[in-house]
Amino acid sequence: MSNLYVEVDDDALSAAASILGTTTKKDTVNAALREVSQRHRRLTALEELAAMGERGDFDILLDKDNYRR
């Protein structure tokens, strides 16, 4: 864990704490950083799934004989 001293917008910090359900500044900043990285990972995965759908990778699932049982 790194020690980092920065000035932050108190209103933005308060809003983030309310959204994230955190109570301390440290927890709010750490939760916000985690949320940003997790959101990026989810968006990337969604884009990859959309590309697979566009390519027709899931078309085999439209035939019920190909479903796993």
Protein backbone atom coordinates (compact mmCIF):
# COMPACT_ATOMS: atom_id res chain seq x y z
CA MET A 1 0.00 0.00 0.00
CA SER A 2 1.34 3.45 -0.89
CA ASN A 3 1.07 6.63 1.11
CA LEU A 4 -0.14 9.40 -1.16
CA TYR A 5 -0.99 12.89 -0.08
CA VAL A 6 -3.27 14.74 -2.51
CA GLU A 7 -5.89 17.41 -2.34
CA VAL A 8 -9.33 16.11 -3.26
CA ASP A 9 -12.65 17.77 -3.95
CA ASP A 10 -14.61 17.41 -0.69
CA ASP A 11 -17.98 17.44 -2.47
CA ALA A 12 -16.88 14.73 -4.91
CA LEU A 13 -15.43 12.68 -2.06
CA SER A 14 -18.65 12.98 -0.08
CA ALA A 15 -20.75 12.01 -3.10
CA ALA A 16 -18.51 9.01 -3.79
CA ALA A 17 -18.69 7.91 -0.16
CA SER A 18 -22.47 8.06 -0.28
CA ILE A 19 -22.60 6.01 -3.49
CA LEU A 20 -20.00 3.49 -2.37
CA GLY A 21 -21.26 3.21 1.20
CA THR A 22 -17.87 4.03 2.70
CA THR A 23 -17.24 6.01 5.87
CA THR A 24 -13.61 7.08 5.72
CA LYS A 25 -11.69 9.06 3.13
CA LYS A 26 -9.19 6.25 2.73
CA ASP A 27 -11.90 3.64 2.18
CA THR A 28 -13.71 5.92 -0.27
CA VAL A 29 -10.63 6.55 -2.39
CA ASN A 30 -9.64 2.88 -2.40
CA ALA A 31 -13.17 1.75 -3.24
CA ALA A 32 -13.41 4.31 -6.04
CA LEU A 33 -10.10 3.15 -7.53
CA ARG A 34 -11.23 -0.49 -7.37
CA GLU A 35 -14.58 0.40 -8.92
CA VAL A 36 -12.93 2.18 -11.85
CA SER A 37 -10.68 -0.79 -12.63
CA GLN A 38 -13.51 -3.32 -12.22
CA ARG A 39 -15.81 -1.25 -14.41
CA HIS A 40 -13.17 -1.11 -17.14
CA ARG A 41 -12.75 -4.89 -16.93
CA ARG A 42 -16.52 -5.39 -17.20
CA LEU A 43 -16.81 -3.00 -20.16
CA THR A 44 -13.97 -4.78 -21.95
CA ALA A 45 -15.65 -8.15 -21.37
CA LEU A 46 -18.96 -6.77 -22.64
CA GLU A 47 -17.30 -5.42 -25.78
CA GLU A 48 -15.69 -8.83 -26.38
CA LEU A 49 -19.06 -10.59 -25.98
CA ALA A 50 -20.70 -8.12 -28.37
CA ALA A 51 -17.98 -8.77 -30.94
CA MET A 52 -18.50 -12.52 -30.55
CA GLY A 53 -22.21 -12.03 -31.11
CA GLU A 54 -21.58 -9.93 -34.21
CA ARG A 55 -19.32 -12.69 -35.58
CA GLY A 56 -22.08 -15.25 -34.98
CA ASP A 57 -20.16 -17.21 -32.36
CA PHE A 58 -23.39 -17.91 -30.47
CA ASP A 59 -25.56 -18.84 -33.46
CA ILE A 60 -25.08 -22.53 -32.73
CA LEU A 61 -27.08 -21.99 -29.54
CA LEU A 62 -30.15 -21.07 -31.59
CA ASP A 63 -30.45 -24.74 -32.57
CA LYS A 64 -31.93 -26.46 -29.49
CA ASP A 65 -30.25 -29.73 -30.45
CA ASN A 66 -26.91 -28.08 -29.62
CA TYR A 67 -27.83 -27.09 -26.05
CA ARG A 68 -25.95 -28.79 -23.26
CA ARG A 69 -28.12 -30.98 -21.12
